[in-house]
């Protein structure tokens, strides 16, 4: 009977060793799955990173964009200054036109008023003073 017990122990030991080996293989499989998953993530991240330029190139582009922005800011300031100058010039032009219009209206008013005074004088009016004679003469010249 010893033989049978020895065989039983032998098989039990082999079964226990097989279970240990299975458990160890399961751990190795899990570790291999984790490594594979990490590699896939790494590859995906590497693809994404490769789509973007490197730091040096990005800094060069950023510097170029900064210079362009500064240049455009100067242009904007220049255009705004020019616009402000044109507004002031336009204001001066409108003021001058308004003053000229008032001057013309005033001269026209005085001219019309003078003509009304001339026309209100009778045609036979003659004075001894030279200034009034000239007024009468002017009036009669306009009539004929």
N, C-alpha and C. Protein backbone atom coordinates (compact mmCIF):
# COMPACT_ATOMS: atom_id res chain seq x y z
N UNK A 1 0.77 -1.17 0.00
CA UNK A 1 0.00 0.00 0.00
C UNK A 1 0.84 1.27 0.00
N UNK A 2 1.92 1.10 0.35
CA UNK A 2 2.86 2.19 0.32
C UNK A 2 3.04 2.70 -1.09
N UNK A 3 2.98 1.89 -1.91
CA UNK A 3 3.15 2.22 -3.30
C UNK A 3 2.01 3.11 -3.80
N UNK A 4 0.87 2.78 -3.38
CA UNK A 4 -0.28 3.55 -3.78
C UNK A 4 -0.23 4.94 -3.18
N UNK A 5 0.16 5.08 -1.96
CA UNK A 5 0.29 6.37 -1.30
C UNK A 5 1.41 7.17 -1.95
N UNK A 6 2.45 6.49 -2.30
CA UNK A 6 3.54 7.21 -2.96
C UNK A 6 3.06 7.77 -4.31
N UNK A 7 2.32 6.94 -4.99
CA UNK A 7 1.79 7.41 -6.28
C UNK A 7 0.80 8.56 -6.07
N UNK A 8 0.01 8.49 -5.07
CA UNK A 8 -0.97 9.57 -4.78
C UNK A 8 -0.23 10.86 -4.45
N UNK A 9 0.78 10.75 -3.59
CA UNK A 9 1.57 11.94 -3.23
C UNK A 9 2.28 12.51 -4.47
N UNK A 10 2.79 11.60 -5.25
CA UNK A 10 3.49 12.02 -6.47
C UNK A 10 2.53 12.81 -7.37
N UNK A 11 1.34 12.26 -7.58
CA UNK A 11 0.36 12.95 -8.43
C UNK A 11 -0.13 14.25 -7.79
N UNK A 12 -0.32 14.25 -6.48
CA UNK A 12 -0.75 15.47 -5.79
C UNK A 12 0.32 16.55 -5.93
N UNK A 13 1.57 16.13 -5.78
CA UNK A 13 2.67 17.10 -5.93
C UNK A 13 2.73 17.63 -7.37
N UNK A 14 2.57 16.73 -8.32
CA UNK A 14 2.57 17.15 -9.72
C UNK A 14 1.39 18.09 -10.02
N UNK A 15 0.25 17.78 -9.47
CA UNK A 15 -0.93 18.62 -9.68
C UNK A 15 -0.71 19.99 -9.04
N UNK A 16 -0.16 20.01 -7.83
CA UNK A 16 0.11 21.28 -7.15
C UNK A 16 1.14 22.08 -7.93
N UNK A 17 2.17 21.42 -8.43
CA UNK A 17 3.18 22.11 -9.24
C UNK A 17 2.55 22.65 -10.53
N UNK A 18 1.65 21.88 -11.11
CA UNK A 18 0.98 22.33 -12.33
C UNK A 18 0.10 23.55 -12.05
N UNK A 19 -0.59 23.54 -10.90
CA UNK A 19 -1.40 24.69 -10.51
C UNK A 19 -0.53 25.93 -10.29
N UNK A 20 0.61 25.76 -9.65
CA UNK A 20 1.53 26.87 -9.44
C UNK A 20 2.04 27.41 -10.78
N UNK A 21 2.37 26.45 -11.66
CA UNK A 21 2.85 26.86 -12.98
C UNK A 21 1.75 27.58 -13.76
N UNK A 22 0.50 27.13 -13.66
CA UNK A 22 -0.64 27.78 -14.32
C UNK A 22 -0.83 29.19 -13.75
N UNK A 23 -0.74 29.33 -12.44
CA UNK A 23 -0.89 30.65 -11.81
C UNK A 23 0.23 31.58 -12.28
N UNK A 24 1.46 31.05 -12.33
CA UNK A 24 2.59 31.85 -12.80
C UNK A 24 2.41 32.24 -14.26
N UNK A 25 1.90 31.32 -15.08
CA UNK A 25 1.65 31.62 -16.50
C UNK A 25 0.55 32.67 -16.65
N UNK A 26 -0.47 32.62 -15.79
CA UNK A 26 -1.53 33.62 -15.83
C UNK A 26 -0.96 35.00 -15.52
N UNK A 27 -0.05 35.07 -14.53
CA UNK A 27 0.59 36.35 -14.19
C UNK A 27 1.41 36.86 -15.37
N UNK A 28 2.12 35.94 -16.02
CA UNK A 28 2.93 36.33 -17.18
C UNK A 28 2.04 36.83 -18.32
N UNK A 29 0.90 36.15 -18.52
CA UNK A 29 -0.04 36.57 -19.56
C UNK A 29 -0.58 37.97 -19.25
N UNK A 30 -0.97 38.20 -18.01
CA UNK A 30 -1.47 39.53 -17.62
C UNK A 30 -0.40 40.60 -17.83
N UNK A 31 0.84 40.27 -17.45
CA UNK A 31 1.94 41.22 -17.64
C UNK A 31 2.18 41.47 -19.14
N UNK A 32 2.11 40.43 -19.94
CA UNK A 32 2.29 40.57 -21.38
C UNK A 32 1.16 41.42 -21.99
N UNK A 33 -0.07 41.22 -21.49
CA UNK A 33 -1.20 42.02 -21.97
C UNK A 33 -0.99 43.50 -21.60
N UNK A 34 -0.52 43.76 -20.38
CA UNK A 34 -0.26 45.12 -19.92
C UNK A 34 0.84 45.77 -20.78
N UNK A 35 1.88 45.00 -21.07
CA UNK A 35 2.98 45.52 -21.90
C UNK A 35 2.47 45.81 -23.31
N UNK A 36 1.66 44.90 -23.85
CA UNK A 36 1.12 45.10 -25.19
C UNK A 36 0.22 46.34 -25.24
N UNK A 37 -0.62 46.50 -24.21
CA UNK A 37 -1.49 47.66 -24.13
C UNK A 37 -0.66 48.95 -24.05
N UNK A 38 0.38 48.94 -23.24
CA UNK A 38 1.26 50.11 -23.11
C UNK A 38 1.95 50.44 -24.43
N UNK A 39 2.38 49.40 -25.15
CA UNK A 39 3.02 49.63 -26.45
C UNK A 39 2.05 50.24 -27.45
N UNK A 40 0.80 49.75 -27.45
CA UNK A 40 -0.20 50.30 -28.35
C UNK A 40 -0.48 51.78 -28.02
N UNK A 41 -0.59 52.08 -26.74
CA UNK A 41 -0.80 53.48 -26.33
C UNK A 41 0.41 54.33 -26.74
N UNK A 42 1.59 53.78 -26.54
CA UNK A 42 2.81 54.49 -26.91
C UNK A 42 2.83 54.75 -28.42
N UNK A 43 2.49 53.73 -29.21
CA UNK A 43 2.46 53.89 -30.66
C UNK A 43 1.43 54.94 -31.09
N UNK A 44 0.25 54.91 -30.48
CA UNK A 44 -0.78 55.91 -30.80
C UNK A 44 -0.30 57.32 -30.45
N UNK A 45 0.30 57.47 -29.27
CA UNK A 45 0.83 58.78 -28.87
C UNK A 45 1.97 59.21 -29.79
N UNK A 46 2.80 58.27 -30.18
CA UNK A 46 3.91 58.60 -31.10
C UNK A 46 3.37 59.09 -32.43
N UNK A 47 2.31 58.46 -32.94
CA UNK A 47 1.70 58.91 -34.20
C UNK A 47 1.16 60.33 -34.06
N UNK A 48 0.50 60.61 -32.95
CA UNK A 48 -0.05 61.95 -32.72
C UNK A 48 1.08 62.96 -32.62
N UNK A 49 2.13 62.62 -31.91
CA UNK A 49 3.27 63.52 -31.74
C UNK A 49 3.95 63.78 -33.08
N UNK A 50 4.04 62.75 -33.92
CA UNK A 50 4.69 62.92 -35.22
C UNK A 50 3.90 63.86 -36.14
N UNK A 51 2.61 64.00 -35.89
CA UNK A 51 1.80 64.90 -36.71
C UNK A 51 2.13 66.37 -36.43
N UNK A 52 2.65 66.67 -35.26
CA UNK A 52 2.97 68.04 -34.87
C UNK A 52 4.46 68.31 -35.05
N UNK A 53 4.79 69.57 -35.38
CA UNK A 53 6.22 69.90 -35.54
C UNK A 53 6.94 69.87 -34.19
N UNK A 54 8.24 69.74 -34.26
CA UNK A 54 9.01 69.69 -33.03
C UNK A 54 9.06 71.07 -32.36
N UNK A 55 9.59 71.13 -31.16
CA UNK A 55 9.61 72.34 -30.36
C UNK A 55 10.36 73.47 -31.07
N UNK A 56 11.50 73.14 -31.66
CA UNK A 56 12.32 74.15 -32.33
C UNK A 56 11.54 74.80 -33.47
N UNK A 57 10.89 73.98 -34.28
CA UNK A 57 10.10 74.49 -35.40
C UNK A 57 8.91 75.31 -34.89
N UNK A 58 8.27 74.86 -33.84
CA UNK A 58 7.14 75.58 -33.26
C UNK A 58 7.59 76.94 -32.74
N UNK A 59 8.73 76.99 -32.07
CA UNK A 59 9.25 78.27 -31.57
C UNK A 59 9.57 79.23 -32.71
N UNK A 60 10.12 78.70 -33.82
CA UNK A 60 10.41 79.53 -34.98
C UNK A 60 9.11 80.10 -35.56
N UNK A 61 8.10 79.26 -35.67
CA UNK A 61 6.81 79.72 -36.19
C UNK A 61 6.19 80.76 -35.27
N UNK A 62 6.30 80.52 -33.97
CA UNK A 62 5.76 81.45 -32.99
C UNK A 62 6.47 82.80 -33.07
N UNK A 63 7.76 82.78 -33.24
CA UNK A 63 8.54 84.02 -33.37
C UNK A 63 8.15 84.76 -34.65
N UNK A 64 7.98 84.02 -35.74
CA UNK A 64 7.57 84.64 -37.00
C UNK A 64 6.18 85.27 -36.87
N UNK A 65 5.27 84.57 -36.21
CA UNK A 65 3.93 85.11 -36.00
C UNK A 65 3.97 86.35 -35.10
N UNK A 66 4.84 86.35 -34.11
CA UNK A 66 5.00 87.52 -33.25
C UNK A 66 5.48 88.73 -34.04
N UNK A 67 6.46 88.51 -34.93
CA UNK A 67 6.96 89.61 -35.77
C UNK A 67 5.86 90.11 -36.69
N UNK A 68 5.10 89.19 -37.27
CA UNK A 68 4.02 89.58 -38.17
C UNK A 68 2.95 90.37 -37.41
N UNK A 69 2.65 89.93 -36.20
CA UNK A 69 1.67 90.63 -35.37
C UNK A 69 2.15 92.05 -35.05
N UNK A 70 3.42 92.18 -34.73
CA UNK A 70 3.99 93.49 -34.44
C UNK A 70 3.93 94.39 -35.69
N UNK A 71 4.27 93.82 -36.84
CA UNK A 71 4.21 94.58 -38.10
C UNK A 71 2.78 95.03 -38.40
N UNK A 72 1.83 94.13 -38.21
CA UNK A 72 0.43 94.47 -38.46
C UNK A 72 -0.07 95.51 -37.46
N UNK A 73 0.44 95.47 -36.23
CA UNK A 73 0.06 96.48 -35.24
C UNK A 73 0.55 97.86 -35.67
N UNK A 74 1.78 97.92 -36.20
CA UNK A 74 2.32 99.19 -36.70
C UNK A 74 1.48 99.70 -37.87
N UNK A 75 1.11 98.79 -38.77
CA UNK A 75 0.28 99.18 -39.91
C UNK A 75 -1.07 99.70 -39.42
N UNK A 76 -1.64 99.02 -38.44
CA UNK A 76 -2.93 99.44 -37.89
C UNK A 76 -2.82 100.84 -37.28
N UNK A 77 -1.77 101.08 -36.51
CA UNK A 77 -1.56 102.41 -35.92
C UNK A 77 -1.41 103.46 -37.00
N UNK A 78 -0.66 103.15 -38.04
CA UNK A 78 -0.46 104.08 -39.15
C UNK A 78 -1.78 104.40 -39.82
N UNK A 79 -2.59 103.39 -40.08
CA UNK A 79 -3.88 103.59 -40.73
C UNK A 79 -4.81 104.40 -39.81
N UNK A 80 -4.78 104.12 -38.51
CA UNK A 80 -5.61 104.87 -37.58
C UNK A 80 -5.18 106.33 -37.52
N UNK A 81 -3.86 106.58 -37.53
CA UNK A 81 -3.35 107.95 -37.54
C UNK A 81 -3.79 108.67 -38.81
N UNK A 82 -3.68 107.98 -39.95
CA UNK A 82 -4.08 108.56 -41.23
C UNK A 82 -5.57 108.86 -41.23
N UNK A 83 -6.36 107.94 -40.68
CA UNK A 83 -7.81 108.13 -40.61
C UNK A 83 -8.14 109.34 -39.74
N UNK A 84 -7.45 109.47 -38.61
CA UNK A 84 -7.68 110.62 -37.73
C UNK A 84 -7.31 111.92 -38.43
N UNK A 85 -6.20 111.92 -39.17
CA UNK A 85 -5.80 113.10 -39.93
C UNK A 85 -6.86 113.44 -40.97
N UNK A 86 -7.36 112.44 -41.68
CA UNK A 86 -8.39 112.68 -42.69
C UNK A 86 -9.67 113.22 -42.05
N UNK A 87 -10.01 112.73 -40.87
CA UNK A 87 -11.19 113.24 -40.17
C UNK A 87 -11.02 114.72 -39.84
N UNK A 88 -9.84 115.06 -39.34
CA UNK A 88 -9.56 116.46 -39.00
C UNK A 88 -9.60 117.33 -40.26
N UNK A 89 -8.98 116.84 -41.34
CA UNK A 89 -9.00 117.58 -42.59
C UNK A 89 -10.43 117.75 -43.11
N UNK A 90 -11.22 116.71 -42.99
CA UNK A 90 -12.61 116.77 -43.44
C UNK A 90 -13.39 117.78 -42.60
N UNK A 91 -13.13 117.79 -41.30
CA UNK A 91 -13.79 118.75 -40.41
C UNK A 91 -13.41 120.18 -40.81
N UNK A 92 -12.12 120.41 -41.07
CA UNK A 92 -11.66 121.73 -41.50
C UNK A 92 -12.32 122.10 -42.83
N UNK A 93 -12.40 121.15 -43.75
CA UNK A 93 -13.04 121.40 -45.04
C UNK A 93 -14.50 121.78 -44.85
N UNK A 94 -15.22 121.04 -44.02
CA UNK A 94 -16.63 121.36 -43.78
C UNK A 94 -16.78 122.73 -43.12
N UNK A 95 -15.91 123.04 -42.17
CA UNK A 95 -15.96 124.36 -41.52
C UNK A 95 -15.70 125.46 -42.53
N UNK A 96 -14.71 125.27 -43.39
CA UNK A 96 -14.39 126.26 -44.41
C UNK A 96 -15.55 126.43 -45.38
N UNK A 97 -16.14 125.34 -45.80
CA UNK A 97 -17.30 125.40 -46.70
C UNK A 97 -18.44 126.16 -46.02
N UNK A 98 -18.67 125.87 -44.75
CA UNK A 98 -19.74 126.55 -44.02
C UNK A 98 -19.46 128.05 -43.92
N UNK A 99 -18.22 128.42 -43.61
CA UNK A 99 -17.85 129.84 -43.53
C UNK A 99 -17.98 130.51 -44.89
N UNK A 100 -17.52 129.83 -45.92
CA UNK A 100 -17.62 130.38 -47.28
C UNK A 100 -19.08 130.56 -47.67
N UNK A 101 -19.90 129.60 -47.32
CA UNK A 101 -21.32 129.68 -47.62
C UNK A 101 -21.95 130.87 -46.88
N UNK A 102 -21.58 131.04 -45.63
CA UNK A 102 -22.10 132.18 -44.87
C UNK A 102 -21.62 133.50 -45.47
N UNK A 103 -20.35 133.53 -45.88
CA UNK A 103 -19.81 134.74 -46.49
C UNK A 103 -20.54 135.06 -47.78
N UNK A 104 -20.75 134.05 -48.61
CA UNK A 104 -21.47 134.26 -49.87
C UNK A 104 -22.90 134.70 -49.62
N UNK A 105 -23.54 134.07 -48.66
CA UNK A 105 -24.92 134.47 -48.34
C UNK A 105 -24.95 135.89 -47.82
N UNK A 106 -23.98 136.26 -47.01
CA UNK A 106 -23.91 137.62 -46.48
C UNK A 106 -23.68 138.61 -47.62
N UNK A 107 -22.73 138.33 -48.51
CA UNK A 107 -22.46 139.22 -49.65
C UNK A 107 -23.68 139.30 -50.57
N UNK A 108 -24.32 138.17 -50.78
CA UNK A 108 -25.52 138.17 -51.61
C UNK A 108 -26.62 139.00 -50.97
N UNK A 109 -26.75 138.85 -49.67
CA UNK A 109 -27.76 139.62 -48.94
C UNK A 109 -27.47 141.12 -49.07
N UNK A 110 -26.21 141.51 -48.86
CA UNK A 110 -25.83 142.92 -48.97
C UNK A 110 -26.02 143.41 -50.41
N UNK A 111 -25.69 142.57 -51.37
CA UNK A 111 -25.86 142.95 -52.77
C UNK A 111 -27.33 143.14 -53.11
N UNK A 112 -28.15 142.23 -52.67
CA UNK A 112 -29.60 142.34 -52.92
C UNK A 112 -30.15 143.56 -52.20
N UNK A 113 -29.72 143.75 -50.97
CA UNK A 113 -30.17 144.90 -50.19
C UNK A 113 -29.76 146.20 -50.88
N UNK A 114 -28.53 146.25 -51.39
CA UNK A 114 -28.03 147.43 -52.10
C UNK A 114 -28.85 147.67 -53.35
N UNK A 115 -29.13 146.59 -54.09
CA UNK A 115 -29.93 146.72 -55.30
C UNK A 115 -31.34 147.18 -54.98
N UNK A 116 -31.88 146.71 -53.89
CA UNK A 116 -33.21 147.15 -53.49
C UNK A 116 -33.20 148.63 -53.17
N UNK A 117 -32.12 149.09 -52.51
CA UNK A 117 -32.00 150.51 -52.20
C UNK A 117 -31.89 151.29 -53.51
N UNK A 118 -31.07 150.79 -54.44
CA UNK A 118 -30.93 151.47 -55.72
C UNK A 118 -32.27 151.51 -56.47
N UNK A 119 -32.97 150.40 -56.44
CA UNK A 119 -34.22 150.33 -57.17
C UNK A 119 -35.32 151.16 -56.52
N UNK A 120 -35.18 151.39 -55.25
CA UNK A 120 -36.20 152.18 -54.57
C UNK A 120 -36.05 153.68 -54.85
N UNK A 121 -34.90 154.10 -55.38
CA UNK A 121 -34.71 155.52 -55.71
C UNK A 121 -35.49 155.85 -56.98
N UNK A 122 -36.07 157.03 -57.04
CA UNK A 122 -36.80 157.40 -58.26
C UNK A 122 -35.82 157.64 -59.40
N UNK A 123 -36.17 157.39 -60.65
CA UNK A 123 -35.26 157.52 -61.77
C UNK A 123 -34.84 158.96 -62.05
N UNK A 124 -35.59 159.92 -61.63
CA UNK A 124 -35.27 161.32 -61.91
C UNK A 124 -34.49 161.96 -60.79
N UNK A 125 -34.14 161.18 -59.77
CA UNK A 125 -33.44 161.72 -58.62
C UNK A 125 -32.01 162.04 -58.99
N UNK A 126 -31.62 163.30 -58.89
CA UNK A 126 -30.26 163.74 -59.16
C UNK A 126 -29.87 164.65 -58.01
N UNK A 127 -28.72 164.41 -57.49
CA UNK A 127 -28.25 165.20 -56.37
C UNK A 127 -26.99 165.94 -56.75
N UNK A 128 -26.69 166.94 -55.99
CA UNK A 128 -25.50 167.73 -56.26
C UNK A 128 -24.25 167.05 -55.74
N UNK A 129 -24.40 166.21 -54.76
CA UNK A 129 -23.20 165.54 -54.24
C UNK A 129 -22.75 164.46 -55.19
N UNK A 130 -21.41 164.30 -55.37
CA UNK A 130 -20.90 163.32 -56.33
C UNK A 130 -21.26 161.88 -55.97
N UNK A 131 -21.31 161.55 -54.69
CA UNK A 131 -21.60 160.17 -54.32
C UNK A 131 -23.03 159.81 -54.67
N UNK A 132 -23.98 160.73 -54.41
CA UNK A 132 -25.37 160.45 -54.74
C UNK A 132 -25.59 160.48 -56.24
N UNK A 133 -24.88 161.33 -56.92
CA UNK A 133 -24.98 161.37 -58.38
C UNK A 133 -24.53 160.05 -58.99
N UNK A 134 -23.45 159.54 -58.44
CA UNK A 134 -22.99 158.25 -58.95
C UNK A 134 -24.00 157.15 -58.67
N UNK A 135 -24.67 157.19 -57.53
CA UNK A 135 -25.70 156.20 -57.25
C UNK A 135 -26.84 156.34 -58.24
N UNK A 136 -27.23 157.54 -58.53
CA UNK A 136 -28.32 157.75 -59.47
C UNK A 136 -27.88 157.33 -60.85
N UNK A 137 -26.65 157.62 -61.18
CA UNK A 137 -26.12 157.24 -62.48
C UNK A 137 -26.11 155.71 -62.62
N UNK A 138 -25.67 155.05 -61.59
CA UNK A 138 -25.67 153.58 -61.62
C UNK A 138 -27.07 153.04 -61.79
N UNK A 139 -28.00 153.63 -61.07
CA UNK A 139 -29.38 153.18 -61.14
C UNK A 139 -29.93 153.34 -62.56
N UNK A 140 -29.65 154.48 -63.15
CA UNK A 140 -30.17 154.71 -64.49
C UNK A 140 -29.47 153.82 -65.51
N UNK A 141 -28.22 153.47 -65.28
CA UNK A 141 -27.52 152.56 -66.19
C UNK A 141 -28.17 151.18 -66.18
N UNK A 142 -28.64 150.80 -65.04
CA UNK A 142 -29.28 149.49 -64.94
C UNK A 142 -30.65 149.47 -65.59
N UNK A 143 -31.28 150.59 -65.65
CA UNK A 143 -32.60 150.64 -66.24
C UNK A 143 -32.55 150.56 -67.76
N UNK A 144 -31.57 151.18 -68.38
CA UNK A 144 -31.52 151.27 -69.84
C UNK A 144 -30.53 150.38 -70.42
